[in-house]
C-alpha atoms as a PDB file:
ATOM      1  CA  UNK A   1      67.375 -43.956  96.876  1.00  0.00           C
ATOM      2  CA  UNK A   2      68.137 -47.570  96.295  1.00  0.00           C
ATOM      3  CA  UNK A   3      64.479 -48.451  96.913  1.00  0.00           C
ATOM      4  CA  UNK A   4      63.342 -46.065  94.158  1.00  0.00           C
ATOM      5  CA  UNK A   5      65.938 -47.446  91.797  1.00  0.00           C
ATOM      6  CA  UNK A   6      64.798 -50.984  92.484  1.00  0.00           C
ATOM      7  CA  UNK A   7      61.160 -49.991  91.873  1.00  0.00           C
ATOM      8  CA  UNK A   8      61.973 -48.332  88.572  1.00  0.00           C
ATOM      9  CA  UNK A   9      64.123 -51.288  87.570  1.00  0.00           C
ATOM     10  CA  UNK A  10      61.355 -53.742  88.427  1.00  0.00           C
ATOM     11  CA  UNK A  11      58.849 -51.756  86.362  1.00  0.00           C
ATOM     12  CA  UNK A  12      61.198 -51.689  83.399  1.00  0.00           C
ATOM     13  CA  UNK A  13      61.843 -55.394  83.820  1.00  0.00           C
ATOM     14  CA  UNK A  14      58.144 -56.190  83.941  1.00  0.00           C
ATOM     15  CA  UNK A  15      57.558 -54.046  80.856  1.00  0.00           C
ATOM     16  CA  UNK A  16      60.306 -55.914  79.030  1.00  0.00           C
ATOM     17  CA  UNK A  17      58.791 -59.204  80.112  1.00  0.00           C
ATOM     18  CA  UNK A  18      55.395 -58.151  78.651  1.00  0.00           C
ATOM     19  CA  UNK A  19      57.060 -56.886  75.490  1.00  0.00           C
ATOM     20  CA  UNK A  20      58.069 -59.222  72.661  1.00  0.00           C
ATOM     21  CA  UNK A  21      55.554 -61.820  73.789  1.00  0.00           C
ATOM     22  CA  UNK A  22      52.860 -63.618  71.860  1.00  0.00           C
ATOM     23  CA  UNK A  23      49.283 -62.552  72.541  1.00  0.00           C
ATOM     24  CA  UNK A  24      45.962 -63.750  71.192  1.00  0.00           C
ATOM     25  CA  UNK A  25      42.906 -61.780  70.183  1.00  0.00           C
ATOM     26  CA  UNK A  26      39.872 -62.224  72.464  1.00  0.00           C
ATOM     27  CA  UNK A  27      37.043 -60.693  70.377  1.00  0.00           C
ATOM     28  CA  UNK A  28      36.094 -60.846  66.730  1.00  0.00           C
ATOM     29  CA  UNK A  29      36.431 -57.730  64.566  1.00  0.00           C
ATOM     30  CA  UNK A  30      39.091 -56.186  66.766  1.00  0.00           C
ATOM     31  CA  UNK A  31      40.949 -53.297  65.108  1.00  0.00           C
ATOM     32  CA  UNK A  32      44.632 -52.518  64.897  1.00  0.00           C
ATOM     33  CA  UNK A  33      45.109 -48.761  64.529  1.00  0.00           C
ATOM     34  CA  UNK A  34      47.945 -46.464  63.585  1.00  0.00           C
ATOM     35  CA  UNK A  35      47.284 -44.321  66.676  1.00  0.00           C
ATOM     36  CA  UNK A  36      45.897 -44.791  70.169  1.00  0.00           C
ATOM     37  CA  UNK A  37      42.414 -43.449  69.379  1.00  0.00           C
ATOM     38  CA  UNK A  38      39.061 -45.109  68.741  1.00  0.00           C
ATOM     39  CA  UNK A  39      37.338 -41.952  67.587  1.00  0.00           C
ATOM     40  CA  UNK A  40      39.163 -41.745  64.254  1.00  0.00           C
ATOM     41  CA  UNK A  41      37.949 -44.294  61.719  1.00  0.00           C
ATOM     42  CA  UNK A  42      40.724 -43.479  59.263  1.00  0.00           C
ATOM     43  CA  UNK A  43      43.506 -44.862  61.492  1.00  0.00           C
ATOM     44  CA  UNK A  44      42.381 -48.499  61.112  1.00  0.00           C
ATOM     45  CA  UNK A  45      45.181 -50.636  59.702  1.00  0.00           C
ATOM     46  CA  UNK A  46      43.780 -54.143  60.021  1.00  0.00           C
ATOM     47  CA  UNK A  47      40.856 -56.060  61.495  1.00  0.00           C
ATOM     48  CA  UNK A  48      41.668 -59.270  63.367  1.00  0.00           C
ATOM     49  CA  UNK A  49      39.397 -62.012  64.699  1.00  0.00           C
ATOM     50  CA  UNK A  50      39.153 -64.309  67.682  1.00  0.00           C
ATOM     51  CA  UNK A  51      42.223 -66.429  68.603  1.00  0.00           C
ATOM     52  CA  UNK A  52      44.473 -64.734  66.027  1.00  0.00           C
ATOM     53  CA  UNK A  53      48.056 -64.587  67.254  1.00  0.00           C
ATOM     54  CA  UNK A  54      49.874 -61.221  67.490  1.00  0.00           C
ATOM     55  CA  UNK A  55      53.352 -60.189  68.553  1.00  0.00           C
ATOM     56  CA  UNK A  56      53.167 -57.596  71.305  1.00  0.00           C
ATOM     57  CA  UNK A  57      56.067 -55.129  71.093  1.00  0.00           C
ATOM     58  CA  UNK A  58      55.262 -52.955  74.078  1.00  0.00           C
ATOM     59  CA  UNK A  59      52.467 -51.863  76.402  1.00  0.00           C
ATOM     60  CA  UNK A  60      51.370 -48.307  77.174  1.00  0.00           C
ATOM     61  CA  UNK A  61      49.908 -47.086  80.427  1.00  0.00           C
ATOM     62  CA  UNK A  62      46.882 -45.681  78.521  1.00  0.00           C
ATOM     63  CA  UNK A  63      45.595 -49.234  77.946  1.00  0.00           C
ATOM     64  CA  UNK A  64      46.981 -49.774  74.451  1.00  0.00           C
ATOM     65  CA  UNK A  65      49.485 -52.364  73.242  1.00  0.00           C
ATOM     66  CA  UNK A  66      51.796 -52.018  70.255  1.00  0.00           C
ATOM     67  CA  UNK A  67      51.565 -55.241  68.239  1.00  0.00           C
ATOM     68  CA  UNK A  68      52.951 -56.614  65.006  1.00  0.00           C
ATOM     69  CA  UNK A  69      51.174 -58.885  62.505  1.00  0.00           C
ATOM     70  CA  UNK A  70      51.787 -59.483  58.791  1.00  0.00           C
ATOM     71  CA  UNK A  71      54.525 -56.811  58.661  1.00  0.00           C
ATOM     72  CA  UNK A  72      52.111 -54.282  60.198  1.00  0.00           C
ATOM     73  CA  UNK A  73      52.812 -52.486  63.470  1.00  0.00           C
ATOM     74  CA  UNK A  74      49.863 -50.860  65.191  1.00  0.00           C
ATOM     75  CA  UNK A  75      48.016 -50.241  68.393  1.00  0.00           C
ATOM     76  CA  UNK A  76      45.282 -52.451  69.832  1.00  0.00           C
ATOM     77  CA  UNK A  77      43.422 -52.205  73.109  1.00  0.00           C
ATOM     78  CA  UNK A  78      45.121 -54.317  75.760  1.00  0.00           C
ATOM     79  CA  UNK A  79      41.705 -55.557  76.878  1.00  0.00           C
ATOM     80  CA  UNK A  80      41.200 -57.213  73.470  1.00  0.00           C
ATOM     81  CA  UNK A  81      44.293 -59.434  73.752  1.00  0.00           C
ATOM     82  CA  UNK A  82      45.495 -62.065  76.187  1.00  0.00           C
ATOM     83  CA  UNK A  83      48.705 -63.963  76.705  1.00  0.00           C
ATOM     84  CA  UNK A  84      46.810 -67.136  77.535  1.00  0.00           C
ATOM     85  CA  UNK A  85      47.030 -69.667  74.774  1.00  0.00           C
ATOM     86  CA  UNK A  86      43.506 -70.516  73.610  1.00  0.00           C
ATOM     87  CA  UNK A  87      42.271 -74.060  73.655  1.00  0.00           C
ATOM     88  CA  UNK A  88      41.290 -75.004  70.124  1.00  0.00           C
ATOM     89  CA  UNK A  89      38.596 -77.626  70.074  1.00  0.00           C
ATOM     90  CA  UNK A  90      39.052 -80.295  67.450  1.00  0.00           C
ATOM     91  CA  UNK A  91      36.486 -80.334  64.700  1.00  0.00           C
ATOM     92  CA  UNK A  92      33.943 -83.131  64.945  1.00  0.00           C
ATOM     93  CA  UNK A  93      34.747 -86.093  62.788  1.00  0.00           C
ATOM     94  CA  UNK A  94      32.137 -86.632  60.115  1.00  0.00           C
ATOM     95  CA  UNK A  95      31.086 -90.184  59.497  1.00  0.00           C
ATOM     96  CA  UNK A  96      31.747 -90.353  55.792  1.00  0.00           C
ATOM     97  CA  UNK A  97      30.133 -93.748  55.440  1.00  0.00           C
ATOM     98  CA  UNK A  98      26.762 -92.600  56.780  1.00  0.00           C
ATOM     99  CA  UNK A  99      26.931 -89.363  54.783  1.00  0.00           C
ATOM    100  CA  UNK A 100      27.781 -91.258  51.619  1.00  0.00           C
ATOM    101  CA  UNK A 101      24.886 -93.641  52.267  1.00  0.00           C
ATOM    102  CA  UNK A 102      22.479 -90.716  52.653  1.00  0.00           C
ATOM    103  CA  UNK A 103      23.807 -89.196  49.455  1.00  0.00           C
ATOM    104  CA  UNK A 104      23.424 -92.514  47.661  1.00  0.00           C
ATOM    105  CA  UNK A 105      19.783 -92.800  48.785  1.00  0.00           C
ATOM    106  CA  UNK A 106      19.117 -89.229  47.695  1.00  0.00           C
ATOM    107  CA  UNK A 107      20.790 -89.826  44.341  1.00  0.00           C
ATOM    108  CA  UNK A 108      18.677 -92.976  43.861  1.00  0.00           C
ATOM    109  CA  UNK A 109      15.484 -91.036  44.601  1.00  0.00           C
ATOM    110  CA  UNK A 110      16.478 -88.252  42.236  1.00  0.00           C
ATOM    111  CA  UNK A 111      17.352 -90.791  39.538  1.00  0.00           C
ATOM    112  CA  UNK A 112      13.901 -92.392  39.890  1.00  0.00           C
ATOM    113  CA  UNK A 113      12.235 -88.977  39.635  1.00  0.00           C
ATOM    114  CA  UNK A 114      14.340 -88.161  36.578  1.00  0.00           C
ATOM    115  CA  UNK A 115      13.353 -91.439  34.906  1.00  0.00           C
ATOM    116  CA  UNK A 116       9.681 -90.776  35.662  1.00  0.00           C
ATOM    117  CA  UNK A 117       9.994 -87.283  34.195  1.00  0.00           C
ATOM    118  CA  UNK A 118      11.636 -88.684  31.053  1.00  0.00           C
ATOM    119  CA  UNK A 119       8.788 -91.206  30.651  1.00  0.00           C
ATOM    120  CA  UNK A 120       6.221 -88.433  31.020  1.00  0.00           C
ATOM    121  CA  UNK A 121       8.074 -86.384  28.413  1.00  0.00           C
ATOM    122  CA  UNK A 122       8.020 -89.356  26.018  1.00  0.00           C
ATOM    123  CA  UNK A 123       4.256 -89.818  26.509  1.00  0.00           C
ATOM    124  CA  UNK A 124       3.658 -86.126  25.943  1.00  0.00           C
ATOM    125  CA  UNK A 125       5.724 -86.210  22.751  1.00  0.00           C
ATOM    126  CA  UNK A 126       3.677 -89.164  21.476  1.00  0.00           C
ATOM    127  CA  UNK A 127       0.421 -87.374  22.306  1.00  0.00           C
ATOM    128  CA  UNK A 128       1.718 -84.271  20.575  1.00  0.00           C
ATOM    129  CA  UNK A 129       2.584 -86.228  17.434  1.00  0.00           C
ATOM    130  CA  UNK A 130      -0.887 -87.816  17.460  1.00  0.00           C
ATOM    131  CA  UNK A 131      -2.553 -84.435  17.791  1.00  0.00           C
ATOM    132  CA  UNK A 132      -0.448 -83.048  14.943  1.00  0.00           C
ATOM    133  CA  UNK A 133      -1.555 -85.944  12.711  1.00  0.00           C
ATOM    134  CA  UNK A 134      -5.213 -85.395  13.618  1.00  0.00           C
ATOM    135  CA  UNK A 135      -4.885 -81.677  12.920  1.00  0.00           C
ATOM    136  CA  UNK A 136      -3.389 -82.437   9.515  1.00  0.00           C
ATOM    137  CA  UNK A 137      -6.288 -84.781   8.723  1.00  0.00           C
ATOM    138  CA  UNK A 138      -8.808 -82.146   9.781  1.00  0.00           C
ATOM    139  CA  UNK A 139      -7.073 -79.537   7.647  1.00  0.00           C
ATOM    140  CA  UNK A 140      -7.287 -81.835   4.623  1.00  0.00           C
ATOM    141  CA  UNK A 141     -11.001 -82.424   5.297  1.00  0.00           C
ATOM    142  CA  UNK A 142     -11.601 -78.691   5.679  1.00  0.00           C
ATOM    143  CA  UNK A 143      -9.819 -77.977   2.406  1.00  0.00           C
ATOM    144  CA  UNK A 144     -11.879 -80.655   0.617  1.00  0.00           C
ATOM    145  CA  UNK A 145     -15.160 -79.298   1.999  1.00  0.00           C
ATOM    146  CA  UNK A 146     -14.131 -75.776   1.066  1.00  0.00           C
ATOM    147  CA  UNK A 147     -13.433 -76.827  -2.525  1.00  0.00           C
ATOM    148  CA  UNK A 148     -16.763 -78.698  -2.710  1.00  0.00           C
ATOM    149  CA  UNK A 149     -18.575 -75.636  -1.371  1.00  0.00           C
ATOM    150  CA  UNK A 150     -16.917 -73.421  -3.951  1.00  0.00           C
ATOM    151  CA  UNK A 151     -17.853 -75.857  -6.705  1.00  0.00           C
ATOM    152  CA  UNK A 152     -21.500 -75.935  -5.548  1.00  0.00           C
ATOM    153  CA  UNK A 153     -21.657 -72.151  -5.384  1.00  0.00           C
ATOM    154  CA  UNK A 154     -20.209 -71.908  -8.872  1.00  0.00           C
ATOM    155  CA  UNK A 155     -22.705 -74.462 -10.169  1.00  0.00           C
ATOM    156  CA  UNK A 156     -25.587 -72.586  -8.507  1.00  0.00           C
ATOM    157  CA  UNK A 157     -24.461 -69.339 -10.138  1.00  0.00           C
ATOM    158  CA  UNK A 158     -24.086 -70.830 -13.623  1.00  0.00           C
ATOM    159  CA  UNK A 159     -27.312 -72.919 -13.458  1.00  0.00           C
ATOM    160  CA  UNK A 160     -30.192 -71.576 -15.649  1.00  0.00           C
ATOM    161  CA  UNK A 161     -33.670 -73.242 -15.609  1.00  0.00           C
ATOM    162  CA  UNK A 162     -35.096 -74.341 -18.993  1.00  0.00           C
ATOM    163  CA  UNK A 163     -38.721 -73.418 -18.261  1.00  0.00           C
ATOM    164  CA  UNK A 164     -40.568 -71.104 -15.891  1.00  0.00           C
ATOM    165  CA  UNK A 165     -43.343 -72.308 -13.659  1.00  0.00           C
ATOM    166  CA  UNK A 166     -46.770 -70.555 -13.961  1.00  0.00           C
ATOM    167  CA  UNK A 167     -47.680 -67.902 -11.442  1.00  0.00           C
ATOM    168  CA  UNK A 168     -50.547 -69.894  -9.953  1.00  0.00           C
ATOM    169  CA  UNK A 169     -49.242 -73.284  -9.014  1.00  0.00           C
ATOM    170  CA  UNK A 170     -51.465 -76.073  -7.783  1.00  0.00           C
ATOM    171  CA  UNK A 171     -49.647 -77.402  -4.765  1.00  0.00           C
ATOM    172  CA  UNK A 172     -51.708 -80.553  -4.778  1.00  0.00           C
ATOM    173  CA  UNK A 173     -50.554 -81.458  -8.313  1.00  0.00           C
ATOM    174  CA  UNK A 174     -46.969 -80.666  -7.396  1.00  0.00           C
ATOM    175  CA  UNK A 175     -47.146 -82.638  -4.210  1.00  0.00           C
ATOM    176  CA  UNK A 176     -49.452 -85.658  -4.779  1.00  0.00           C
ATOM    177  CA  UNK A 177     -48.056 -87.442  -1.785  1.00  0.00           C
ATOM    178  CA  UNK A 178     -48.977 -84.583   0.533  1.00  0.00           C
ATOM    179  CA  UNK A 179     -52.520 -84.529  -0.975  1.00  0.00           C
ATOM    180  CA  UNK A 180     -52.977 -88.233  -0.344  1.00  0.00           C
ATOM    181  CA  UNK A 181     -51.721 -87.841   3.215  1.00  0.00           C
ATOM    182  CA  UNK A 182     -54.210 -85.006   3.752  1.00  0.00           C
ATOM    183  CA  UNK A 183     -57.158 -87.102   2.400  1.00  0.00           C
ATOM    184  CA  UNK A 184     -56.220 -90.043   4.603  1.00  0.00           C
ATOM    185  CA  UNK A 185     -56.036 -87.742   7.621  1.00  0.00           C
ATOM    186  CA  UNK A 186     -59.538 -86.338   6.934  1.00  0.00           C
ATOM    187  CA  UNK A 187     -60.909 -89.832   6.449  1.00  0.00           C
ATOM    188  CA  UNK A 188     -59.512 -90.975   9.764  1.00  0.00           C
ATOM    189  CA  UNK A 189     -61.096 -87.978  11.473  1.00  0.00           C
ATOM    190  CA  UNK A 190     -64.501 -88.779   9.904  1.00  0.00           C
ATOM    191  CA  UNK A 191     -64.290 -92.440  10.934  1.00  0.00           C
ATOM    192  CA  UNK A 192     -63.244 -91.625  14.488  1.00  0.00           C
ATOM    193  CA  UNK A 193     -66.050 -89.031  14.943  1.00  0.00           C
ATOM    194  CA  UNK A 194     -68.908 -90.529  12.831  1.00  0.00           C
ATOM    195  CA  UNK A 195     -71.359 -90.451  15.750  1.00  0.00           C
ATOM    196  CA  UNK A 196     -70.945 -86.733  16.231  1.00  0.00           C
ATOM    197  CA  UNK A 197     -71.214 -86.124  12.495  1.00  0.00           C
ATOM    198  CA  UNK A 198     -74.371 -88.298  12.281  1.00  0.00           C
ATOM    199  CA  UNK A 199     -76.029 -86.418  15.140  1.00  0.00           C
ATOM    200  CA  UNK A 200     -75.089 -83.100  13.550  1.00  0.00           C
ATOM    201  CA  UNK A 201     -76.537 -84.180  10.169  1.00  0.00           C
ATOM    202  CA  UNK A 202     -79.746 -85.451  11.805  1.00  0.00           C
ATOM    203  CA  UNK A 203     -80.191 -82.217  13.769  1.00  0.00           C
ATOM    204  CA  UNK A 204     -79.608 -80.204  10.594  1.00  0.00           C
ATOM    205  CA  UNK A 205     -82.154 -82.309   8.708  1.00  0.00           C
ATOM    206  CA  UNK A 206     -84.771 -81.895  11.457  1.00  0.00           C
ATOM    207  CA  UNK A 207     -84.196 -78.171  11.574  1.00  0.00           C
ATOM    208  CA  UNK A 208     -84.657 -77.867   7.819  1.00  0.00           C
ATOM    209  CA  UNK A 209     -87.808 -80.017   7.958  1.00  0.00           C
ATOM    210  CA  UNK A 210     -89.224 -77.879  10.772  1.00  0.00           C
ATOM    211  CA  UNK A 211     -88.585 -74.729   8.805  1.00  0.00           C
ATOM    212  CA  UNK A 212     -90.299 -76.155   5.694  1.00  0.00           C
ATOM    213  CA  UNK A 213     -93.343 -77.303   7.651  1.00  0.00           C
ATOM    214  CA  UNK A 214     -93.647 -73.961   9.406  1.00  0.00           C
ATOM    215  CA  UNK A 215     -93.416 -72.145   6.094  1.00  0.00           C
ATOM    216  CA  UNK A 216     -96.122 -74.318   4.546  1.00  0.00           C
ATOM    217  CA  UNK A 217     -98.468 -73.781   7.502  1.00  0.00           C
ATOM    218  CA  UNK A 218     -97.967 -70.061   7.278  1.00  0.00           C
ATOM    219  CA  UNK A 219     -98.734 -70.005   3.553  1.00  0.00           C
ATOM    220  CA  UNK A 220    -101.842 -72.094   4.149  1.00  0.00           C
ATOM    221  CA  UNK A 221    -102.995 -69.722   6.871  1.00  0.00           C
ATOM    222  CA  UNK A 222    -102.463 -66.748   4.612  1.00  0.00           C
ATOM    223  CA  UNK A 223    -104.508 -68.349   1.824  1.00  0.00           C
ATOM    224  CA  UNK A 224    -107.447 -69.065   4.177  1.00  0.00           C
ATOM    225  CA  UNK A 225    -107.374 -65.485   5.367  1.00  0.00           C
ATOM    226  CA  UNK A 226    -107.594 -64.182   1.793  1.00  0.00           C
ATOM    227  CA  UNK A 227    -110.481 -66.444   0.968  1.00  0.00           C
ATOM    228  CA  UNK A 228    -112.486 -65.125   3.871  1.00  0.00           C
END
């Protein structure tokens, strides 16, 4: 009897020792629920992450622990918490001097690129202004030529000749220069080919002489035949 009492007392004492103790979450995205059930998604009260501290109120034999955090009391799986204080590693110290130096170099490079871009923009603006001036000059020239063309068309429409040329026009009298050029051209051809022309004239003369002689002989032969 006393042994059973001591066993029950020891269990109650151990439960009290586990209760009202600080515990720490082991896994990220652990859920604190209003009831001891993982199947119901509507009983989620809060989601806690790794190393977050909770106050454990009591433990249940089913594997759940009643915890308190931010004025919320709920159940969490006992396997997701531990009473061992986690070791928090200090964050690495950043060398601000080296980082600042890198930033300064980067800023210098960006400043040089910005200055180069500004110079290019200035050159483009100057080129644009030059093109605008040239376009204006061309527009003025186009307008002047258009007005001159209109004036010439108007003059051509209003012009009336004083006399009419005859139907048959002697082109040589109208163009004496062309006639002289034509005569000179023929003369050059005759001079360059005088041998051929001389041979042709001689052959023509011989042919005519042969025809005359043949005709005379034939007439003489006819006369002799009549006499006989």
